[in-house]
Amino acid sequence: MAEKNNTNPYKANLEIFSETLQRLALNDENIVAVTSDSRGSGKLVPFGKKFPKQIIEVGIAEQNLVGVAAGLASCGKKVFAVSPACFLTARALEQIKNDVAYSDNPVNVIGISAGVSYGALGSTHHSLHDYAVLRAIHNIIVVAPADNFETEMAIELAAKTKQPIYLRFGKKPMPPLKVVNDDVFAFGKGRVIIEGDDVAIIATGETVYPALQAAAKLQSEGILATVISMHTIKPLDTQLLQELAIKCKAIITVEEHSVNGGLGEACASFLLQNQFSKPFKIIGLPDEYTVTGSQQEIFNHYGISKDGIAATVKTLLEKILVPV
C-alpha cells in the first residue's frame, strides 16, 4: 500500500481503490476501468494517465456504462465499472440485473460517493437503496469495505473473482481498524474488531468506525461489546452471526442505508428463521425524507455516531433487565 499523505494521516477508501487498481494493472493489461464522467470523482485520473488504453469513458450514461462493462467482461477483461452509487444502482439497475448478474459477466460494479456522502446535495444523490435492490438479485456479491486494508484486499480479490461484485465506497478518509489477524480477508467472512459478551454491534462500511468509538464509550461504563465489520452484505456471514447470537445478550446492526432491506434486515431474517430470539435493533436511515446536511450531520441526526450507537445499546440492554 502506498505511503500516507503527510497532510492527512488517513486516506479515503476510494483513493486506495485507485492505487490498488494501478498496481494490479502494471502486470495485467486485461484490467480495464470504465467510467461515466466520473474519472475525477472516482480518483482514476492517475490510472488514465498511466494506462490510457485501459480506461474507457462513456460520459453521463450509466446504462451504457454497465452494458459496455458487461461486453468487455464477456471477452475476458477484468472490468471495474465506476460511477456514483445513487445513479449506478438505480438508473442502471436493469443492466446490472440482466447484462451482469443474470448473464454471469464478472463485472466489478464500483459505486462511489455512496450512502449520504454527497451530503447537502440531498436525497436525489443519496444511495440508501443499493443493498436492498442488489440483495434481491441473484449472482452478485455485495461488499462495503470499512477501512483501507479491507479496500485493498477487496480489490485484489475482486480482480481474481469470476463472479459479479458490487463494491461501495464513500468519500471521507477512514482510520484503520486494528485487528490482530489483518492478513485474513475473504468475501462472506466478517471481521471481528473487538470482543465482548454484552452486545454485538454489527456494522458495515463507514459505519464501522463510529461503532468502534461507541464500544469504547460503552466499555468505560462497564458494557463490553463485540464489534464486527460485516463488509460483505451478500453473502452474509451466517456462521459468525450464529456465534454472536449464542454469545451476546443483544444484537445491533449499523448501516449507512435505509433500515428497509439492508444489512439489518438480512441479519434479522437469518436470526428469526433459525430460531435465535435475541433483543435486536437496526440503526440506519428511517423510512422518511432524509434531512439535509453533511454526512456527519446526517449521521448525528439519525444516531449513526459514537453517542447515538452507545445510547441505543444501553436502551436495548435496559429493556431486557440486564444490569448495566
C-alpha atoms as a PDB file:
ATOM      1  CA  MET A   1       0.000   0.000   0.000  1.00  0.00           C
ATOM      2  CA  ALA A   2       1.275   3.482  -0.823  1.00  0.00           C
ATOM      3  CA  GLU A   3       2.550   5.746   1.955  1.00  0.00           C
ATOM      4  CA  LYS A   4       0.023   8.014   3.629  1.00  0.00           C
ATOM      5  CA  ASN A   5      -0.362  11.652   2.656  1.00  0.00           C
ATOM      6  CA  ASN A   6       1.637  13.829   5.047  1.00  0.00           C
ATOM      7  CA  THR A   7      -1.170  16.411   5.245  1.00  0.00           C
ATOM      8  CA  ASN A   8      -3.714  13.845   6.405  1.00  0.00           C
ATOM      9  CA  PRO A   9      -2.960  10.741   8.453  1.00  0.00           C
ATOM     10  CA  TYR A  10      -5.622   8.705   6.632  1.00  0.00           C
ATOM     11  CA  LYS A  11      -6.793   8.137   3.089  1.00  0.00           C
ATOM     12  CA  ALA A  12     -10.259   7.656   1.680  1.00  0.00           C
ATOM     13  CA  ASN A  13     -11.017   4.080   0.697  1.00  0.00           C
ATOM     14  CA  LEU A  14     -11.620   5.297  -2.847  1.00  0.00           C
ATOM     15  CA  GLU A  15      -8.013   6.503  -3.054  1.00  0.00           C
ATOM     16  CA  ILE A  16      -6.834   3.034  -2.025  1.00  0.00           C
ATOM     17  CA  PHE A  17      -9.112   1.543  -4.674  1.00  0.00           C
ATOM     18  CA  SER A  18      -7.376   3.649  -7.329  1.00  0.00           C
ATOM     19  CA  GLU A  19      -3.868   2.936  -6.048  1.00  0.00           C
ATOM     20  CA  THR A  20      -4.542  -0.805  -5.852  1.00  0.00           C
ATOM     21  CA  LEU A  21      -6.029  -0.869  -9.348  1.00  0.00           C
ATOM     22  CA  GLN A  22      -2.950   0.907 -10.718  1.00  0.00           C
ATOM     23  CA  ARG A  23      -0.645  -1.575  -9.024  1.00  0.00           C
ATOM     24  CA  LEU A  24      -2.564  -4.547 -10.412  1.00  0.00           C
ATOM     25  CA  ALA A  25      -2.738  -3.060 -13.911  1.00  0.00           C
ATOM     26  CA  LEU A  26       1.064  -2.821 -14.087  1.00  0.00           C
ATOM     27  CA  ASN A  27       1.187  -6.572 -14.608  1.00  0.00           C
ATOM     28  CA  ASP A  28      -2.219  -7.209 -16.135  1.00  0.00           C
ATOM     29  CA  GLU A  29      -3.299  -5.499 -19.336  1.00  0.00           C
ATOM     30  CA  ASN A  30      -6.746  -7.113 -19.025  1.00  0.00           C
ATOM     31  CA  ILE A  31      -7.672  -4.800 -16.160  1.00  0.00           C
ATOM     32  CA  VAL A  32      -9.957  -2.116 -17.573  1.00  0.00           C
ATOM     33  CA  ALA A  33     -11.716   0.817 -15.889  1.00  0.00           C
ATOM     34  CA  VAL A  34     -14.958   2.134 -17.389  1.00  0.00           C
ATOM     35  CA  THR A  35     -16.327   5.454 -16.132  1.00  0.00           C
ATOM     36  CA  SER A  36     -19.388   7.630 -16.682  1.00  0.00           C
ATOM     37  CA  ASP A  37     -17.869  11.096 -16.493  1.00  0.00           C
ATOM     38  CA  SER A  38     -16.559  10.029 -13.084  1.00  0.00           C
ATOM     39  CA  ARG A  39     -12.831   9.759 -13.703  1.00  0.00           C
ATOM     40  CA  GLY A  40     -12.138  12.600 -11.281  1.00  0.00           C
ATOM     41  CA  SER A  41     -14.597  11.703  -8.539  1.00  0.00           C
ATOM     42  CA  GLY A  42     -13.544   8.059  -8.884  1.00  0.00           C
ATOM     43  CA  LYS A  43      -9.868   9.003  -8.313  1.00  0.00           C
ATOM     44  CA  LEU A  44      -8.989   7.456 -11.681  1.00  0.00           C
ATOM     45  CA  VAL A  45      -7.138  10.379 -13.271  1.00  0.00           C
ATOM     46  CA  PRO A  46      -3.729   8.834 -12.376  1.00  0.00           C
ATOM     47  CA  PHE A  47      -4.911   5.469 -13.706  1.00  0.00           C
ATOM     48  CA  GLY A  48      -5.938   7.058 -17.008  1.00  0.00           C
ATOM     49  CA  LYS A  49      -2.571   8.790 -17.385  1.00  0.00           C
ATOM     50  CA  LYS A  50      -0.623   5.602 -16.706  1.00  0.00           C
ATOM     51  CA  PHE A  51      -2.884   3.246 -18.660  1.00  0.00           C
ATOM     52  CA  PRO A  52      -4.662   5.262 -21.388  1.00  0.00           C
ATOM     53  CA  LYS A  53      -5.516   2.086 -23.315  1.00  0.00           C
ATOM     54  CA  GLN A  54      -7.136   0.505 -20.261  1.00  0.00           C
ATOM     55  CA  ILE A  55      -9.734   3.161 -19.452  1.00  0.00           C
ATOM     56  CA  ILE A  56     -12.979   3.899 -21.284  1.00  0.00           C
ATOM     57  CA  GLU A  57     -15.119   6.998 -20.761  1.00  0.00           C
ATOM     58  CA  VAL A  58     -18.776   6.652 -21.780  1.00  0.00           C
ATOM     59  CA  GLY A  59     -19.972  10.034 -20.497  1.00  0.00           C
ATOM     60  CA  ILE A  60     -23.022  10.533 -18.306  1.00  0.00           C
ATOM     61  CA  ALA A  61     -24.676   7.310 -19.431  1.00  0.00           C
ATOM     62  CA  GLU A  62     -24.787   4.794 -16.598  1.00  0.00           C
ATOM     63  CA  GLN A  63     -26.822   2.220 -18.541  1.00  0.00           C
ATOM     64  CA  ASN A  64     -24.265   2.283 -21.351  1.00  0.00           C
ATOM     65  CA  LEU A  65     -21.503   2.040 -18.737  1.00  0.00           C
ATOM     66  CA  VAL A  66     -22.805  -1.276 -17.440  1.00  0.00           C
ATOM     67  CA  GLY A  67     -23.565  -2.619 -20.914  1.00  0.00           C
ATOM     68  CA  VAL A  68     -20.053  -1.805 -22.141  1.00  0.00           C
ATOM     69  CA  ALA A  69     -18.537  -3.276 -18.982  1.00  0.00           C
ATOM     70  CA  ALA A  70     -20.523  -6.498 -19.420  1.00  0.00           C
ATOM     71  CA  GLY A  71     -19.389  -6.803 -23.031  1.00  0.00           C
ATOM     72  CA  LEU A  72     -15.757  -6.342 -22.069  1.00  0.00           C
ATOM     73  CA  ALA A  73     -16.060  -8.887 -19.245  1.00  0.00           C
ATOM     74  CA  SER A  74     -17.589 -11.417 -21.647  1.00  0.00           C
ATOM     75  CA  CYS A  75     -14.391 -11.083 -23.717  1.00  0.00           C
ATOM     76  CA  GLY A  76     -12.114 -11.868 -20.786  1.00  0.00           C
ATOM     77  CA  LYS A  77     -11.386  -8.372 -19.474  1.00  0.00           C
ATOM     78  CA  LYS A  78     -11.284  -7.685 -15.726  1.00  0.00           C
ATOM     79  CA  VAL A  79     -13.630  -4.745 -15.652  1.00  0.00           C
ATOM     80  CA  PHE A  80     -14.168  -2.121 -12.941  1.00  0.00           C
ATOM     81  CA  ALA A  81     -17.244  -0.022 -13.831  1.00  0.00           C
ATOM     82  CA  VAL A  82     -17.106   3.197 -11.784  1.00  0.00           C
ATOM     83  CA  SER A  83     -19.981   5.621 -11.227  1.00  0.00           C
ATOM     84  CA  PRO A  84     -21.857   7.350  -8.375  1.00  0.00           C
ATOM     85  CA  ALA A  85     -23.731   4.686  -6.422  1.00  0.00           C
ATOM     86  CA  CYS A  86     -27.013   6.620  -6.394  1.00  0.00           C
ATOM     87  CA  PHE A  87     -27.243   6.561 -10.203  1.00  0.00           C
ATOM     88  CA  LEU A  88     -25.462   3.288 -10.881  1.00  0.00           C
ATOM     89  CA  THR A  89     -27.797   1.177  -8.745  1.00  0.00           C
ATOM     90  CA  ALA A  90     -30.992   2.943  -9.807  1.00  0.00           C
ATOM     91  CA  ARG A  91     -30.709   4.170 -13.383  1.00  0.00           C
ATOM     92  CA  ALA A  92     -28.639   1.153 -14.492  1.00  0.00           C
ATOM     93  CA  LEU A  93     -30.285  -1.455 -12.262  1.00  0.00           C
ATOM     94  CA  GLU A  94     -31.812  -3.343 -15.197  1.00  0.00           C
ATOM     95  CA  GLN A  95     -28.407  -3.603 -16.867  1.00  0.00           C
ATOM     96  CA  ILE A  96     -26.795  -4.808 -13.625  1.00  0.00           C
ATOM     97  CA  LYS A  97     -29.551  -7.393 -13.298  1.00  0.00           C
ATOM     98  CA  ASN A  98     -29.640  -8.655 -16.889  1.00  0.00           C
ATOM     99  CA  ASP A  99     -26.273  -7.870 -18.514  1.00  0.00           C
ATOM    100  CA  VAL A 100     -24.119  -8.574 -15.460  1.00  0.00           C
ATOM    101  CA  ALA A 101     -25.767 -10.858 -12.893  1.00  0.00           C
ATOM    102  CA  TYR A 102     -28.181 -12.930 -14.996  1.00  0.00           C
ATOM    103  CA  SER A 103     -25.650 -13.203 -17.846  1.00  0.00           C
ATOM    104  CA  ASP A 104     -22.883 -14.134 -15.375  1.00  0.00           C
ATOM    105  CA  ASN A 105     -20.450 -11.493 -16.601  1.00  0.00           C
ATOM    106  CA  PRO A 106     -17.847 -10.904 -13.841  1.00  0.00           C
ATOM    107  CA  VAL A 107     -18.052  -7.114 -13.768  1.00  0.00           C
ATOM    108  CA  ASN A 108     -16.853  -5.261 -10.666  1.00  0.00           C
ATOM    109  CA  VAL A 109     -19.535  -2.613 -10.236  1.00  0.00           C
ATOM    110  CA  ILE A 110     -17.982   0.229  -8.209  1.00  0.00           C
ATOM    111  CA  GLY A 111     -20.494   2.549  -6.510  1.00  0.00           C
ATOM    112  CA  ILE A 112     -18.718   5.737  -5.425  1.00  0.00           C
ATOM    113  CA  SER A 113     -19.892   8.613  -3.179  1.00  0.00           C
ATOM    114  CA  ALA A 114     -22.262   6.088  -1.599  1.00  0.00           C
ATOM    115  CA  GLY A 115     -24.753   6.405   1.233  1.00  0.00           C
ATOM    116  CA  VAL A 116     -25.088  10.070   2.180  1.00  0.00           C
ATOM    117  CA  SER A 117     -21.559  11.027   1.084  1.00  0.00           C
ATOM    118  CA  TYR A 118     -22.934  13.737  -1.190  1.00  0.00           C
ATOM    119  CA  GLY A 119     -24.312  15.424   1.925  1.00  0.00           C
ATOM    120  CA  ALA A 120     -26.134  18.653   1.147  1.00  0.00           C
ATOM    121  CA  LEU A 121     -26.915  17.628  -2.444  1.00  0.00           C
ATOM    122  CA  GLY A 122     -29.755  15.754  -0.808  1.00  0.00           C
ATOM    123  CA  SER A 123     -31.906  12.710  -1.411  1.00  0.00           C
ATOM    124  CA  THR A 124     -31.507  12.656  -5.195  1.00  0.00           C
ATOM    125  CA  HIS A 125     -27.812  11.945  -4.633  1.00  0.00           C
ATOM    126  CA  HIS A 126     -28.124   9.554  -1.692  1.00  0.00           C
ATOM    127  CA  SER A 127     -27.832   5.810  -2.263  1.00  0.00           C
ATOM    128  CA  LEU A 128     -29.842   4.328   0.576  1.00  0.00           C
ATOM    129  CA  HIS A 129     -31.398   1.596  -1.556  1.00  0.00           C
ATOM    130  CA  ASP A 130     -28.405  -0.196  -3.091  1.00  0.00           C
ATOM    131  CA  TYR A 131     -28.038  -3.037  -0.580  1.00  0.00           C
ATOM    132  CA  ALA A 132     -31.759  -3.731  -0.779  1.00  0.00           C
ATOM    133  CA  VAL A 133     -32.087  -3.892  -4.554  1.00  0.00           C
ATOM    134  CA  LEU A 134     -28.889  -5.861  -5.099  1.00  0.00           C
ATOM    135  CA  ARG A 135     -29.678  -8.354  -2.332  1.00  0.00           C
ATOM    136  CA  ALA A 136     -32.783  -9.210  -4.353  1.00  0.00           C
ATOM    137  CA  ILE A 137     -30.757 -10.072  -7.475  1.00  0.00           C
ATOM    138  CA  HIS A 138     -29.083 -13.451  -7.642  1.00  0.00           C
ATOM    139  CA  ASN A 139     -25.411 -13.975  -8.560  1.00  0.00           C
ATOM    140  CA  ILE A 140     -23.903 -10.747  -7.291  1.00  0.00           C
ATOM    141  CA  ILE A 141     -21.674 -10.233  -4.233  1.00  0.00           C
ATOM    142  CA  VAL A 142     -22.293  -7.013  -2.256  1.00  0.00           C
ATOM    143  CA  VAL A 143     -19.314  -5.507  -0.393  1.00  0.00           C
ATOM    144  CA  ALA A 144     -18.778  -2.289   1.616  1.00  0.00           C
ATOM    145  CA  PRO A 145     -15.154  -2.037   2.850  1.00  0.00           C
ATOM    146  CA  ALA A 146     -14.703  -0.239   6.160  1.00  0.00           C
ATOM    147  CA  ASP A 147     -11.045   0.823   6.004  1.00  0.00           C
ATOM    148  CA  ASN A 148      -8.037   0.976   3.694  1.00  0.00           C
ATOM    149  CA  PHE A 149      -6.996  -2.601   4.450  1.00  0.00           C
ATOM    150  CA  GLU A 150     -10.402  -4.031   3.579  1.00  0.00           C
ATOM    151  CA  THR A 151     -10.449  -1.922   0.424  1.00  0.00           C
ATOM    152  CA  GLU A 152      -7.056  -3.108  -0.808  1.00  0.00           C
ATOM    153  CA  MET A 153      -7.867  -6.741  -0.066  1.00  0.00           C
ATOM    154  CA  ALA A 154     -11.320  -6.460  -1.661  1.00  0.00           C
ATOM    155  CA  ILE A 155      -9.959  -5.022  -4.926  1.00  0.00           C
ATOM    156  CA  GLU A 156      -7.200  -7.634  -5.109  1.00  0.00           C
ATOM    157  CA  LEU A 157      -9.768 -10.381  -4.555  1.00  0.00           C
ATOM    158  CA  ALA A 158     -12.262  -8.840  -6.974  1.00  0.00           C
ATOM    159  CA  ALA A 159      -9.667  -8.905  -9.754  1.00  0.00           C
ATOM    160  CA  LYS A 160      -9.428 -12.693  -9.259  1.00  0.00           C
ATOM    161  CA  THR A 161     -13.109 -13.485  -8.729  1.00  0.00           C
ATOM    162  CA  LYS A 162     -15.154 -14.848 -11.628  1.00  0.00           C
ATOM    163  CA  GLN A 163     -18.470 -13.547 -10.321  1.00  0.00           C
ATOM    164  CA  PRO A 164     -20.216 -10.166 -10.453  1.00  0.00           C
ATOM    165  CA  ILE A 165     -19.401  -7.930  -7.472  1.00  0.00           C
ATOM    166  CA  TYR A 166     -20.764  -4.624  -6.215  1.00  0.00           C
ATOM    167  CA  LEU A 167     -18.283  -2.612  -4.146  1.00  0.00           C
ATOM    168  CA  ARG A 168     -19.445   0.504  -2.336  1.00  0.00           C
ATOM    169  CA  PHE A 169     -17.218   3.453  -1.381  1.00  0.00           C
ATOM    170  CA  GLY A 170     -17.743   6.747   0.411  1.00  0.00           C
ATOM    171  CA  LYS A 171     -15.600   9.853   0.282  1.00  0.00           C
ATOM    172  CA  LYS A 172     -14.008  10.553   3.635  1.00  0.00           C
ATOM    173  CA  PRO A 173     -10.595   9.396   4.927  1.00  0.00           C
ATOM    174  CA  MET A 174     -11.023   6.273   7.059  1.00  0.00           C
ATOM    175  CA  PRO A 175      -8.950   5.357  10.133  1.00  0.00           C
ATOM    176  CA  PRO A 176      -7.576   1.801  10.198  1.00  0.00           C
ATOM    177  CA  LEU A 177      -9.371  -0.867  12.197  1.00  0.00           C
ATOM    178  CA  LYS A 178      -6.694  -2.501  14.297  1.00  0.00           C
ATOM    179  CA  VAL A 179      -7.258  -6.247  14.195  1.00  0.00           C
ATOM    180  CA  VAL A 180      -4.764  -8.954  15.112  1.00  0.00           C
ATOM    181  CA  ASN A 181      -5.480 -11.085  12.039  1.00  0.00           C
ATOM    182  CA  ASP A 182      -5.316  -8.294   9.462  1.00  0.00           C
ATOM    183  CA  ASP A 183      -3.763 -10.717   6.980  1.00  0.00           C
ATOM    184  CA  VAL A 184      -7.121 -12.521   6.702  1.00  0.00           C
ATOM    185  CA  PHE A 185      -9.819 -11.278   4.328  1.00  0.00           C
ATOM    186  CA  ALA A 186     -12.475 -13.111   2.356  1.00  0.00           C
ATOM    187  CA  PHE A 187     -15.824 -12.187   0.854  1.00  0.00           C
ATOM    188  CA  GLY A 188     -18.604 -13.506   3.044  1.00  0.00           C
ATOM    189  CA  LYS A 189     -16.478 -13.557   6.222  1.00  0.00           C
ATOM    190  CA  GLY A 190     -16.936 -10.735   8.718  1.00  0.00           C
ATOM    191  CA  ARG A 191     -14.014  -9.302  10.688  1.00  0.00           C
ATOM    192  CA  VAL A 192     -14.121  -9.307  14.470  1.00  0.00           C
ATOM    193  CA  ILE A 193     -12.647  -5.961  15.544  1.00  0.00           C
ATOM    194  CA  ILE A 194     -13.062  -6.273  19.311  1.00  0.00           C
ATOM    195  CA  GLU A 195     -14.823  -8.841  21.505  1.00  0.00           C
ATOM    196  CA  GLY A 196     -17.263  -8.549  24.403  1.00  0.00           C
ATOM    197  CA  ASP A 197     -20.159 -10.620  25.763  1.00  0.00           C
ATOM    198  CA  ASP A 198     -22.832  -8.000  26.454  1.00  0.00           C
ATOM    199  CA  VAL A 199     -23.811  -6.845  22.979  1.00  0.00           C
ATOM    200  CA  ALA A 200     -22.823  -7.433  19.366  1.00  0.00           C
ATOM    201  CA  ILE A 201     -22.582  -4.328  17.171  1.00  0.00           C
ATOM    202  CA  ILE A 202     -22.561  -5.431  13.537  1.00  0.00           C
ATOM    203  CA  ALA A 203     -21.667  -2.580  11.196  1.00  0.00           C
ATOM    204  CA  THR A 204     -20.608  -2.207   7.573  1.00  0.00           C
ATOM    205  CA  GLY A 205     -18.699   0.329   5.500  1.00  0.00           C
ATOM    206  CA  GLU A 206     -18.094   3.742   7.012  1.00  0.00           C
ATOM    207  CA  THR A 207     -20.352   3.000   9.999  1.00  0.00           C
ATOM    208  CA  VAL A 208     -17.852   0.540  11.492  1.00  0.00           C
ATOM    209  CA  TYR A 209     -15.614   3.266  12.914  1.00  0.00           C
ATOM    210  CA  PRO A 210     -18.369   5.054  14.889  1.00  0.00           C
ATOM    211  CA  ALA A 211     -19.451   1.601  16.114  1.00  0.00           C
ATOM    212  CA  LEU A 212     -15.918   1.069  17.409  1.00  0.00           C
ATOM    213  CA  GLN A 213     -15.973   4.506  19.078  1.00  0.00           C
ATOM    214  CA  ALA A 214     -19.296   3.618  20.696  1.00  0.00           C
ATOM    215  CA  ALA A 215     -17.821   0.363  22.018  1.00  0.00           C
ATOM    216  CA  ALA A 216     -15.000   2.301  23.678  1.00  0.00           C
ATOM    217  CA  LYS A 217     -17.537   4.626  25.314  1.00  0.00           C
ATOM    218  CA  LEU A 218     -19.616   1.655  26.491  1.00  0.00           C
ATOM    219  CA  GLN A 219     -16.543  -0.088  27.913  1.00  0.00           C
ATOM    220  CA  SER A 220     -15.862   2.935  30.085  1.00  0.00           C
ATOM    221  CA  GLU A 221     -19.359   2.392  31.500  1.00  0.00           C
ATOM    222  CA  GLY A 222     -18.877  -1.325  32.113  1.00  0.00           C
ATOM    223  CA  ILE A 223     -20.595  -2.666  28.977  1.00  0.00           C
ATOM    224  CA  LEU A 224     -18.497  -4.961  26.798  1.00  0.00           C
ATOM    225  CA  ALA A 225     -19.292  -5.046  23.091  1.00  0.00           C
ATOM    226  CA  THR A 226     -18.203  -7.198  20.197  1.00  0.00           C
ATOM    227  CA  VAL A 227     -17.771  -5.045  17.083  1.00  0.00           C
ATOM    228  CA  ILE A 228     -17.990  -6.695  13.674  1.00  0.00           C
ATOM    229  CA  SER A 229     -17.061  -5.272  10.293  1.00  0.00           C
ATOM    230  CA  MET A 230     -19.602  -7.128   8.165  1.00  0.00           C
ATOM    231  CA  HIS A 231     -18.017  -5.897   4.950  1.00  0.00           C
ATOM    232  CA  THR A 232     -19.938  -8.425   2.854  1.00  0.00           C
ATOM    233  CA  ILE A 233     -23.694  -7.919   2.999  1.00  0.00           C
ATOM    234  CA  LYS A 234     -24.222 -10.696   0.459  1.00  0.00           C
ATOM    235  CA  PRO A 235     -23.372 -13.492   1.048  1.00  0.00           C
ATOM    236  CA  LEU A 236     -23.836 -12.839   4.747  1.00  0.00           C
ATOM    237  CA  ASP A 237     -21.506 -14.495   7.260  1.00  0.00           C
ATOM    238  CA  THR A 238     -24.267 -16.524   8.907  1.00  0.00           C
ATOM    239  CA  GLN A 239     -21.812 -18.688  10.836  1.00  0.00           C
ATOM    240  CA  LEU A 240     -20.442 -15.619  12.618  1.00  0.00           C
ATOM    241  CA  LEU A 241     -23.971 -14.282  13.117  1.00  0.00           C
ATOM    242  CA  GLN A 242     -24.996 -17.545  14.753  1.00  0.00           C
ATOM    243  CA  GLU A 243     -21.982 -17.430  17.074  1.00  0.00           C
ATOM    244  CA  LEU A 244     -22.877 -13.868  18.103  1.00  0.00           C
ATOM    245  CA  ALA A 245     -26.498 -14.836  18.773  1.00  0.00           C
ATOM    246  CA  ILE A 246     -25.314 -17.557  21.151  1.00  0.00           C
ATOM    247  CA  LYS A 247     -22.639 -15.440  22.827  1.00  0.00           C
ATOM    248  CA  CYS A 248     -24.181 -11.991  23.255  1.00  0.00           C
ATOM    249  CA  LYS A 249     -27.249 -10.737  25.119  1.00  0.00           C
ATOM    250  CA  ALA A 250     -28.386  -8.413  22.319  1.00  0.00           C
ATOM    251  CA  ILE A 251     -27.547  -7.527  18.723  1.00  0.00           C
ATOM    252  CA  ILE A 252     -27.482  -4.152  16.981  1.00  0.00           C
ATOM    253  CA  THR A 253     -26.761  -3.510  13.306  1.00  0.00           C
ATOM    254  CA  VAL A 254     -25.482  -0.197  11.927  1.00  0.00           C
ATOM    255  CA  GLU A 255     -25.529   0.859   8.283  1.00  0.00           C
ATOM    256  CA  GLU A 256     -25.460   3.923   6.027  1.00  0.00           C
ATOM    257  CA  HIS A 257     -28.565   2.681   4.256  1.00  0.00           C
ATOM    258  CA  SER A 258     -32.307   2.590   4.668  1.00  0.00           C
ATOM    259  CA  VAL A 259     -33.495   0.441   7.561  1.00  0.00           C
ATOM    260  CA  ASN A 260     -35.502  -1.382   4.887  1.00  0.00           C
ATOM    261  CA  GLY A 261     -33.796  -4.210   3.031  1.00  0.00           C
ATOM    262  CA  GLY A 262     -30.184  -3.756   4.083  1.00  0.00           C
ATOM    263  CA  LEU A 263     -27.724  -5.351   6.483  1.00  0.00           C
ATOM    264  CA  GLY A 264     -30.098  -5.183   9.446  1.00  0.00           C
ATOM    265  CA  GLU A 265     -32.955  -6.943   7.721  1.00  0.00           C
ATOM    266  CA  ALA A 266     -30.564  -9.563   6.321  1.00  0.00           C
ATOM    267  CA  CYS A 267     -29.360 -10.324   9.852  1.00  0.00           C
ATOM    268  CA  ALA A 268     -32.875 -10.251  11.312  1.00  0.00           C
ATOM    269  CA  SER A 269     -34.142 -12.655   8.656  1.00  0.00           C
ATOM    270  CA  PHE A 270     -31.427 -15.195   9.376  1.00  0.00           C
ATOM    271  CA  LEU A 271     -31.866 -14.967  13.150  1.00  0.00           C
ATOM    272  CA  LEU A 272     -35.653 -15.257  13.080  1.00  0.00           C
ATOM    273  CA  GLN A 273     -35.736 -18.104  10.576  1.00  0.00           C
ATOM    274  CA  ASN A 274     -33.192 -20.041  12.615  1.00  0.00           C
ATOM    275  CA  GLN A 275     -34.952 -19.579  15.967  1.00  0.00           C
ATOM    276  CA  PHE A 276     -32.428 -17.206  17.546  1.00  0.00           C
ATOM    277  CA  SER A 277     -34.536 -14.977  19.748  1.00  0.00           C
ATOM    278  CA  LYS A 278     -32.421 -12.058  20.943  1.00  0.00           C
ATOM    279  CA  PRO A 279     -33.193  -8.369  21.502  1.00  0.00           C
ATOM    280  CA  PHE A 280     -32.383  -6.756  18.174  1.00  0.00           C
ATOM    281  CA  LYS A 281     -32.243  -3.232  16.754  1.00  0.00           C
ATOM    282  CA  ILE A 282     -31.404  -1.775  13.329  1.00  0.00           C
ATOM    283  CA  ILE A 283     -29.660   1.600  13.218  1.00  0.00           C
ATOM    284  CA  GLY A 284     -29.864   3.194   9.786  1.00  0.00           C
ATOM    285  CA  LEU A 285     -31.815   5.810   7.859  1.00  0.00           C
ATOM    286  CA  PRO A 286     -35.562   5.636   8.642  1.00  0.00           C
ATOM    287  CA  ASP A 287     -38.319   5.486   6.054  1.00  0.00           C
ATOM    288  CA  GLU A 288     -38.735   9.248   5.741  1.00  0.00           C
ATOM    289  CA  TYR A 289     -37.481  12.167   3.694  1.00  0.00           C
ATOM    290  CA  THR A 290     -33.826  12.350   4.734  1.00  0.00           C
ATOM    291  CA  VAL A 291     -32.669  15.543   6.424  1.00  0.00           C
ATOM    292  CA  THR A 292     -30.207  17.711   4.533  1.00  0.00           C
ATOM    293  CA  GLY A 293     -26.686  18.280   5.798  1.00  0.00           C
ATOM    294  CA  SER A 294     -23.166  16.944   5.670  1.00  0.00           C
ATOM    295  CA  GLN A 295     -22.568  13.222   6.039  1.00  0.00           C
ATOM    296  CA  GLN A 296     -21.558  13.685   9.669  1.00  0.00           C
ATOM    297  CA  GLU A 297     -24.561  15.884  10.424  1.00  0.00           C
ATOM    298  CA  ILE A 298     -26.871  13.263   8.930  1.00  0.00           C
ATOM    299  CA  PHE A 299     -25.105  10.518  10.909  1.00  0.00           C
ATOM    300  CA  ASN A 300     -25.519  12.507  14.121  1.00  0.00           C
ATOM    301  CA  HIS A 301     -29.193  13.197  13.420  1.00  0.00           C
ATOM    302  CA  TYR A 302     -30.023   9.520  12.919  1.00  0.00           C
ATOM    303  CA  GLY A 303     -27.877   8.122  15.712  1.00  0.00           C
ATOM    304  CA  ILE A 304     -25.114   6.703  13.497  1.00  0.00           C
ATOM    305  CA  SER A 305     -22.484   8.129  15.821  1.00  0.00           C
ATOM    306  CA  LYS A 306     -20.496   7.249  18.926  1.00  0.00           C
ATOM    307  CA  ASP A 307     -23.096   8.705  21.269  1.00  0.00           C
ATOM    308  CA  GLY A 308     -26.094   7.586  19.242  1.00  0.00           C
ATOM    309  CA  ILE A 309     -24.992   3.967  18.958  1.00  0.00           C
ATOM    310  CA  ALA A 310     -23.993   3.824  22.635  1.00  0.00           C
ATOM    311  CA  ALA A 311     -27.383   5.214  23.675  1.00  0.00           C
ATOM    312  CA  THR A 312     -29.214   2.644  21.551  1.00  0.00           C
ATOM    313  CA  VAL A 313     -27.183  -0.165  23.097  1.00  0.00           C
ATOM    314  CA  LYS A 314     -27.980   0.963  26.637  1.00  0.00           C
ATOM    315  CA  THR A 315     -31.687   1.338  25.874  1.00  0.00           C
ATOM    316  CA  LEU A 316     -31.825  -2.163  24.375  1.00  0.00           C
ATOM    317  CA  LEU A 317     -29.999  -3.732  27.307  1.00  0.00           C
ATOM    318  CA  GLU A 318     -32.217  -1.925  29.820  1.00  0.00           C
ATOM    319  CA  LYS A 319     -35.305  -3.441  28.175  1.00  0.00           C
ATOM    320  CA  ILE A 320     -34.076  -6.949  28.936  1.00  0.00           C
ATOM    321  CA  LEU A 321     -33.287  -6.031  32.536  1.00  0.00           C
ATOM    322  CA  VAL A 322     -29.565  -6.595  32.183  1.00  0.00           C
ATOM    323  CA  PRO A 323     -27.588  -4.726  34.854  1.00  0.00           C
ATOM    324  CA  VAL A 324     -25.531  -2.001  33.183  1.00  0.00           C
END
